[in-house]
Amino acid sequence: MAAAASPTVITLAQARGIAERAGRGLADKVQAETGPTGLSYDVSVTRSDGTDVELVMDGHTGRILTTIGEPPTPQDSSTPEPQDTNN
């Protein structure tokens, strides 16, 4: 009987690289977590403008599950800006 193949696991270094690309910055902290759904990584990324983004990554696929602190999408340019009527 052949042994079952062990599931692929993303290393800490791979998780850091994936998070830096996805978060568009430098990873400050990478922490492995084991929960009911398996291994995940919590990664803090600081962007060049100083904003911080927290990413949660699946530890087997490298897929980003959650992003916290993502700045809001800029307003659609077709939406007029409010006008100041107090001249």
N, C-alpha and C. Protein backbone atom coordinates (compact mmCIF):
# COMPACT_ATOMS: atom_id res chain seq x y z
N MET A 1 0.85 -1.18 0.00
CA MET A 1 0.00 0.00 0.00
C MET A 1 0.89 1.24 0.00
N ALA A 2 0.66 2.15 -0.93
CA ALA A 2 1.46 3.36 -1.04
C ALA A 2 0.97 4.39 -0.03
N ALA A 3 1.91 5.15 0.50
CA ALA A 3 1.56 6.21 1.45
C ALA A 3 0.88 7.35 0.71
N ALA A 4 -0.07 7.97 1.36
CA ALA A 4 -0.77 9.11 0.77
C ALA A 4 0.20 10.28 0.66
N ALA A 5 0.10 10.99 -0.44
CA ALA A 5 0.95 12.17 -0.63
C ALA A 5 0.55 13.25 0.36
N SER A 6 1.56 13.89 0.95
CA SER A 6 1.25 14.97 1.89
C SER A 6 0.82 16.20 1.10
N PRO A 7 -0.12 16.97 1.66
CA PRO A 7 -0.59 18.15 0.94
C PRO A 7 0.52 19.19 0.78
N THR A 8 0.48 19.90 -0.31
CA THR A 8 1.45 20.95 -0.56
C THR A 8 1.25 22.06 0.46
N VAL A 9 2.36 22.57 0.98
CA VAL A 9 2.30 23.66 1.96
C VAL A 9 3.18 24.79 1.45
N ILE A 10 2.66 26.01 1.53
CA ILE A 10 3.41 27.21 1.18
C ILE A 10 4.37 27.50 2.34
N THR A 11 5.64 27.72 2.04
CA THR A 11 6.61 28.03 3.10
C THR A 11 6.42 29.48 3.57
N LEU A 12 7.01 29.79 4.70
CA LEU A 12 6.96 31.15 5.24
C LEU A 12 7.54 32.15 4.24
N ALA A 13 8.67 31.78 3.62
CA ALA A 13 9.31 32.67 2.64
C ALA A 13 8.41 32.87 1.41
N GLN A 14 7.75 31.80 0.96
CA GLN A 14 6.84 31.93 -0.18
C GLN A 14 5.64 32.80 0.19
N ALA A 15 5.12 32.62 1.40
CA ALA A 15 3.99 33.42 1.87
C ALA A 15 4.37 34.90 1.90
N ARG A 16 5.57 35.21 2.36
CA ARG A 16 6.05 36.60 2.39
C ARG A 16 6.07 37.18 0.98
N GLY A 17 6.62 36.46 0.02
CA GLY A 17 6.71 36.94 -1.35
C GLY A 17 5.35 37.14 -1.99
N ILE A 18 4.45 36.19 -1.79
CA ILE A 18 3.10 36.30 -2.34
C ILE A 18 2.40 37.52 -1.75
N ALA A 19 2.51 37.70 -0.43
CA ALA A 19 1.85 38.82 0.25
C ALA A 19 2.42 40.16 -0.20
N GLU A 20 3.73 40.23 -0.41
CA GLU A 20 4.33 41.50 -0.85
C GLU A 20 3.85 41.87 -2.24
N ARG A 21 3.70 40.88 -3.12
CA ARG A 21 3.18 41.18 -4.47
C ARG A 21 1.70 41.56 -4.39
N ALA A 22 0.91 40.79 -3.65
CA ALA A 22 -0.53 41.06 -3.56
C ALA A 22 -0.81 42.37 -2.82
N GLY A 23 -0.04 42.65 -1.77
CA GLY A 23 -0.25 43.86 -0.97
C GLY A 23 0.49 45.07 -1.48
N ARG A 24 1.33 44.88 -2.50
CA ARG A 24 2.11 45.96 -3.11
C ARG A 24 2.92 46.74 -2.08
N GLY A 25 3.71 46.00 -1.29
CA GLY A 25 4.55 46.63 -0.28
C GLY A 25 5.52 45.62 0.31
N LEU A 26 6.03 45.93 1.50
CA LEU A 26 6.97 45.05 2.19
C LEU A 26 6.30 44.41 3.39
N ALA A 27 6.49 43.10 3.51
CA ALA A 27 5.90 42.37 4.63
C ALA A 27 6.68 42.66 5.91
N ASP A 28 5.96 43.12 6.94
CA ASP A 28 6.58 43.41 8.23
C ASP A 28 6.52 42.19 9.14
N LYS A 29 5.41 41.45 9.05
CA LYS A 29 5.19 40.33 9.96
C LYS A 29 4.48 39.23 9.18
N VAL A 30 4.96 37.99 9.34
CA VAL A 30 4.31 36.82 8.75
C VAL A 30 4.12 35.82 9.87
N GLN A 31 2.88 35.42 10.09
CA GLN A 31 2.58 34.51 11.19
C GLN A 31 1.74 33.35 10.67
N ALA A 32 2.21 32.12 10.94
CA ALA A 32 1.47 30.92 10.55
C ALA A 32 0.40 30.63 11.60
N GLU A 33 -0.78 30.27 11.13
CA GLU A 33 -1.91 29.95 12.01
C GLU A 33 -2.48 28.60 11.57
N THR A 34 -2.87 27.78 12.52
CA THR A 34 -3.55 26.54 12.20
C THR A 34 -4.93 26.60 12.81
N GLY A 35 -5.93 26.50 11.96
CA GLY A 35 -7.32 26.58 12.41
C GLY A 35 -8.12 25.41 11.89
N PRO A 36 -9.43 25.49 12.02
CA PRO A 36 -10.30 24.39 11.59
C PRO A 36 -10.20 24.09 10.09
N THR A 37 -9.83 25.08 9.29
CA THR A 37 -9.71 24.85 7.85
C THR A 37 -8.29 24.54 7.43
N GLY A 38 -7.37 24.43 8.39
CA GLY A 38 -5.99 24.11 8.07
C GLY A 38 -5.06 25.29 8.26
N LEU A 39 -3.92 25.22 7.57
CA LEU A 39 -2.87 26.23 7.71
C LEU A 39 -3.23 27.51 6.96
N SER A 40 -2.98 28.65 7.60
CA SER A 40 -3.10 29.95 6.93
C SER A 40 -1.98 30.84 7.44
N TYR A 41 -1.72 31.90 6.71
CA TYR A 41 -0.72 32.88 7.11
C TYR A 41 -1.40 34.23 7.26
N ASP A 42 -1.09 34.93 8.36
CA ASP A 42 -1.51 36.31 8.57
C ASP A 42 -0.27 37.16 8.28
N VAL A 43 -0.39 38.08 7.32
CA VAL A 43 0.76 38.87 6.90
C VAL A 43 0.42 40.36 6.97
N SER A 44 1.29 41.14 7.59
CA SER A 44 1.17 42.60 7.62
C SER A 44 2.10 43.17 6.57
N VAL A 45 1.55 44.00 5.68
CA VAL A 45 2.32 44.61 4.61
C VAL A 45 2.23 46.13 4.75
N THR A 46 3.37 46.81 4.64
CA THR A 46 3.40 48.27 4.64
C THR A 46 3.78 48.73 3.25
N ARG A 47 2.95 49.62 2.71
CA ARG A 47 3.18 50.16 1.37
C ARG A 47 4.10 51.37 1.45
N SER A 48 4.60 51.78 0.30
CA SER A 48 5.54 52.91 0.25
C SER A 48 4.91 54.21 0.73
N ASP A 49 3.57 54.32 0.66
CA ASP A 49 2.91 55.54 1.15
C ASP A 49 2.62 55.47 2.65
N GLY A 50 3.05 54.39 3.30
CA GLY A 50 2.88 54.25 4.75
C GLY A 50 1.62 53.54 5.18
N THR A 51 0.72 53.22 4.25
CA THR A 51 -0.51 52.51 4.63
C THR A 51 -0.19 51.05 4.93
N ASP A 52 -0.94 50.48 5.86
CA ASP A 52 -0.76 49.08 6.24
C ASP A 52 -1.93 48.26 5.73
N VAL A 53 -1.61 47.06 5.25
CA VAL A 53 -2.61 46.12 4.77
C VAL A 53 -2.36 44.78 5.46
N GLU A 54 -3.42 44.17 5.94
CA GLU A 54 -3.34 42.84 6.56
C GLU A 54 -3.92 41.84 5.58
N LEU A 55 -3.17 40.78 5.29
CA LEU A 55 -3.62 39.74 4.37
C LEU A 55 -3.72 38.42 5.11
N VAL A 56 -4.74 37.65 4.80
CA VAL A 56 -4.86 36.27 5.29
C VAL A 56 -4.77 35.39 4.06
N MET A 57 -3.83 34.44 4.09
CA MET A 57 -3.52 33.60 2.94
C MET A 57 -3.71 32.13 3.27
N ASP A 58 -4.27 31.38 2.34
CA ASP A 58 -4.38 29.93 2.49
C ASP A 58 -2.96 29.35 2.47
N GLY A 59 -2.63 28.55 3.47
CA GLY A 59 -1.29 28.01 3.60
C GLY A 59 -0.96 26.87 2.66
N HIS A 60 -1.95 26.40 1.91
CA HIS A 60 -1.72 25.31 0.96
C HIS A 60 -1.71 25.80 -0.48
N THR A 61 -2.50 26.82 -0.79
CA THR A 61 -2.60 27.29 -2.17
C THR A 61 -1.92 28.64 -2.41
N GLY A 62 -1.74 29.42 -1.34
CA GLY A 62 -1.19 30.77 -1.48
C GLY A 62 -2.25 31.79 -1.87
N ARG A 63 -3.50 31.35 -1.96
CA ARG A 63 -4.60 32.25 -2.34
C ARG A 63 -4.88 33.23 -1.20
N ILE A 64 -5.07 34.52 -1.53
CA ILE A 64 -5.41 35.53 -0.54
C ILE A 64 -6.88 35.37 -0.20
N LEU A 65 -7.17 35.12 1.08
CA LEU A 65 -8.54 34.89 1.53
C LEU A 65 -9.21 36.18 1.98
N THR A 66 -8.44 37.04 2.63
CA THR A 66 -8.99 38.27 3.19
C THR A 66 -7.94 39.37 3.10
N THR A 67 -8.38 40.58 2.78
CA THR A 67 -7.52 41.75 2.80
C THR A 67 -8.18 42.79 3.67
N ILE A 68 -7.46 43.26 4.69
CA ILE A 68 -7.99 44.26 5.61
C ILE A 68 -7.12 45.51 5.49
N GLY A 69 -7.79 46.67 5.35
CA GLY A 69 -7.05 47.92 5.27
C GLY A 69 -6.79 48.38 3.85
N GLU A 70 -7.42 47.72 2.88
CA GLU A 70 -7.29 48.13 1.49
C GLU A 70 -7.95 49.49 1.34
N PRO A 71 -7.25 50.47 0.79
CA PRO A 71 -7.87 51.79 0.65
C PRO A 71 -9.07 51.72 -0.29
N PRO A 72 -10.06 52.58 -0.08
CA PRO A 72 -11.23 52.58 -0.95
C PRO A 72 -10.85 52.95 -2.38
N THR A 73 -11.64 52.47 -3.32
CA THR A 73 -11.43 52.78 -4.73
C THR A 73 -11.69 54.27 -4.93
N PRO A 74 -10.81 54.97 -5.68
CA PRO A 74 -11.04 56.39 -5.92
C PRO A 74 -12.40 56.61 -6.58
N GLN A 75 -12.98 57.79 -6.33
CA GLN A 75 -14.29 58.11 -6.90
C GLN A 75 -14.23 58.04 -8.41
N ASP A 76 -15.31 57.58 -8.99
CA ASP A 76 -15.45 57.54 -10.44
C ASP A 76 -15.33 58.96 -10.96
N SER A 77 -14.50 59.16 -11.98
CA SER A 77 -14.28 60.52 -12.50
C SER A 77 -15.52 61.09 -13.16
N SER A 78 -16.52 60.25 -13.49
CA SER A 78 -17.73 60.77 -14.10
C SER A 78 -18.68 61.37 -13.07
N THR A 79 -18.41 61.14 -11.78
CA THR A 79 -19.24 61.70 -10.72
C THR A 79 -18.75 63.11 -10.42
N PRO A 80 -19.60 64.10 -10.56
CA PRO A 80 -19.14 65.47 -10.30
C PRO A 80 -18.83 65.69 -8.82
N GLU A 81 -17.82 66.48 -8.58
CA GLU A 81 -17.45 66.84 -7.21
C GLU A 81 -18.48 67.82 -6.66
N PRO A 82 -18.77 67.78 -5.36
CA PRO A 82 -19.70 68.76 -4.79
C PRO A 82 -19.15 70.18 -4.97
N GLN A 83 -20.03 71.09 -5.29
CA GLN A 83 -19.64 72.48 -5.51
C GLN A 83 -19.83 73.28 -4.23
N ASP A 84 -18.87 74.15 -3.92
CA ASP A 84 -18.95 75.03 -2.77
C ASP A 84 -19.79 76.25 -3.17
N THR A 85 -20.95 76.39 -2.57
CA THR A 85 -21.84 77.50 -2.94
C THR A 85 -21.65 78.71 -2.04
N ASN A 86 -20.73 78.64 -1.09
CA ASN A 86 -20.47 79.77 -0.16
C ASN A 86 -19.29 80.58 -0.68
N ASN A 87 -19.52 81.44 -1.64
CA ASN A 87 -18.44 82.26 -2.21
C ASN A 87 -18.18 83.46 -1.41
